[in-house]
Amino acid sequence: MDTRSMNNPLICPLCRKPNHCAYAAGRPAEECWCMSLSVPKALLAQIPDEQRGKSCVCEACVRAYKADA
C-alpha cells in the first residue's frame, strides 16, 4: 500500500485517486461536488478507521456505490 496517499486530504481513501475536494484544496466548501450529491453513510463506513475524518471519498466512488445499490 502506498503510505504517501494515506491520510492525504486530496486522495480518496477508498480508490486512492484524487477526490477533487474543494475544501481540502483551500476553496470554499460550497464549491465542492459533495454539496449537490449526498454520500451514503454505508459508503462512509467503508473508510478505514485510520483515515476516517482525514480525507473525503471521491465523486466516482459515490456514484459507483449508488449505481450498485
C-alpha atoms as a PDB file:
ATOM      1  CA  MET A   1       0.000   0.000   0.000  1.00  0.00           C
ATOM      2  CA  ASP A   2       1.245   3.474  -0.877  1.00  0.00           C
ATOM      3  CA  THR A   3       1.545   5.155   2.517  1.00  0.00           C
ATOM      4  CA  ARG A   4       2.053   8.560   0.870  1.00  0.00           C
ATOM      5  CA  SER A   5      -1.620   8.617  -0.151  1.00  0.00           C
ATOM      6  CA  MET A   6      -2.875   7.535   3.265  1.00  0.00           C
ATOM      7  CA  ASN A   7      -4.403  10.435   5.157  1.00  0.00           C
ATOM      8  CA  ASN A   8      -3.824  12.799   2.243  1.00  0.00           C
ATOM      9  CA  PRO A   9      -6.888  15.073   2.268  1.00  0.00           C
ATOM     10  CA  LEU A  10      -6.832  15.271  -1.548  1.00  0.00           C
ATOM     11  CA  ILE A  11      -6.903  11.475  -2.105  1.00  0.00           C
ATOM     12  CA  CYS A  12      -9.985   9.248  -1.817  1.00  0.00           C
ATOM     13  CA  PRO A  13      -9.431   6.724   0.995  1.00  0.00           C
ATOM     14  CA  LEU A  14     -11.278   4.037  -0.982  1.00  0.00           C
ATOM     15  CA  CYS A  15      -9.868   4.161  -4.526  1.00  0.00           C
ATOM     16  CA  ARG A  16      -6.687   6.231  -3.841  1.00  0.00           C
ATOM     17  CA  LYS A  17      -7.457   8.647  -6.686  1.00  0.00           C
ATOM     18  CA  PRO A  18      -7.922  12.424  -6.373  1.00  0.00           C
ATOM     19  CA  ASN A  19     -11.166  13.216  -4.562  1.00  0.00           C
ATOM     20  CA  HIS A  20     -11.500  16.749  -6.005  1.00  0.00           C
ATOM     21  CA  CYS A  21     -12.484  18.103  -2.578  1.00  0.00           C
ATOM     22  CA  ALA A  22     -12.818  21.879  -2.869  1.00  0.00           C
ATOM     23  CA  TYR A  23     -12.477  22.409   0.883  1.00  0.00           C
ATOM     24  CA  ALA A  24      -9.269  20.349   1.161  1.00  0.00           C
ATOM     25  CA  ALA A  25      -7.897  22.277  -1.825  1.00  0.00           C
ATOM     26  CA  GLY A  26      -8.442  25.566   0.002  1.00  0.00           C
ATOM     27  CA  ARG A  27     -11.601  26.668  -1.778  1.00  0.00           C
ATOM     28  CA  PRO A  28     -14.983  27.348  -0.133  1.00  0.00           C
ATOM     29  CA  ALA A  29     -16.827  24.179   0.880  1.00  0.00           C
ATOM     30  CA  GLU A  30     -19.845  25.414  -1.084  1.00  0.00           C
ATOM     31  CA  GLU A  31     -17.850  24.830  -4.289  1.00  0.00           C
ATOM     32  CA  CYS A  32     -17.384  21.125  -3.584  1.00  0.00           C
ATOM     33  CA  TRP A  33     -19.166  18.482  -5.637  1.00  0.00           C
ATOM     34  CA  CYS A  34     -20.451  16.889  -2.413  1.00  0.00           C
ATOM     35  CA  MET A  35     -22.732  19.855  -1.803  1.00  0.00           C
ATOM     36  CA  SER A  36     -25.002  18.577  -4.580  1.00  0.00           C
ATOM     37  CA  LEU A  37     -24.583  14.807  -4.132  1.00  0.00           C
ATOM     38  CA  SER A  38     -25.284  13.004  -0.883  1.00  0.00           C
ATOM     39  CA  VAL A  39     -22.728  10.489   0.325  1.00  0.00           C
ATOM     40  CA  PRO A  40     -24.357   7.313   1.714  1.00  0.00           C
ATOM     41  CA  LYS A  41     -23.483   6.511   5.321  1.00  0.00           C
ATOM     42  CA  ALA A  42     -22.881   2.883   4.351  1.00  0.00           C
ATOM     43  CA  LEU A  43     -20.170   4.035   1.931  1.00  0.00           C
ATOM     44  CA  LEU A  44     -18.564   6.247   4.576  1.00  0.00           C
ATOM     45  CA  ALA A  45     -18.499   3.212   6.879  1.00  0.00           C
ATOM     46  CA  GLN A  46     -16.127   1.532   4.387  1.00  0.00           C
ATOM     47  CA  ILE A  47     -13.398   4.107   5.069  1.00  0.00           C
ATOM     48  CA  PRO A  48     -10.633   2.524   7.174  1.00  0.00           C
ATOM     49  CA  ASP A  49     -10.668   3.782  10.775  1.00  0.00           C
ATOM     50  CA  GLU A  50      -7.218   5.363  10.495  1.00  0.00           C
ATOM     51  CA  GLN A  51      -8.401   7.515   7.568  1.00  0.00           C
ATOM     52  CA  ARG A  52     -11.865   8.428   8.807  1.00  0.00           C
ATOM     53  CA  GLY A  53     -12.304  12.183   9.053  1.00  0.00           C
ATOM     54  CA  LYS A  54      -8.971  12.845   7.322  1.00  0.00           C
ATOM     55  CA  SER A  55      -9.873  12.564   3.642  1.00  0.00           C
ATOM     56  CA  CYS A  56     -13.066  12.585   1.595  1.00  0.00           C
ATOM     57  CA  VAL A  57     -14.473   9.894  -0.635  1.00  0.00           C
ATOM     58  CA  CYS A  58     -14.441  10.886  -4.311  1.00  0.00           C
ATOM     59  CA  GLU A  59     -17.455  11.531  -6.509  1.00  0.00           C
ATOM     60  CA  ALA A  60     -16.645   8.484  -8.670  1.00  0.00           C
ATOM     61  CA  CYS A  61     -16.808   6.155  -5.642  1.00  0.00           C
ATOM     62  CA  VAL A  62     -20.121   7.698  -4.535  1.00  0.00           C
ATOM     63  CA  ARG A  63     -21.645   7.332  -7.993  1.00  0.00           C
ATOM     64  CA  ALA A  64     -20.367   3.754  -8.367  1.00  0.00           C
ATOM     65  CA  TYR A  65     -21.746   2.841  -4.942  1.00  0.00           C
ATOM     66  CA  LYS A  66     -25.146   4.329  -5.779  1.00  0.00           C
ATOM     67  CA  ALA A  67     -25.229   2.567  -9.174  1.00  0.00           C
ATOM     68  CA  ASP A  68     -24.570  -0.788  -7.480  1.00  0.00           C
ATOM     69  CA  ALA A  69     -27.172  -0.203  -4.751  1.00  0.00           C
END
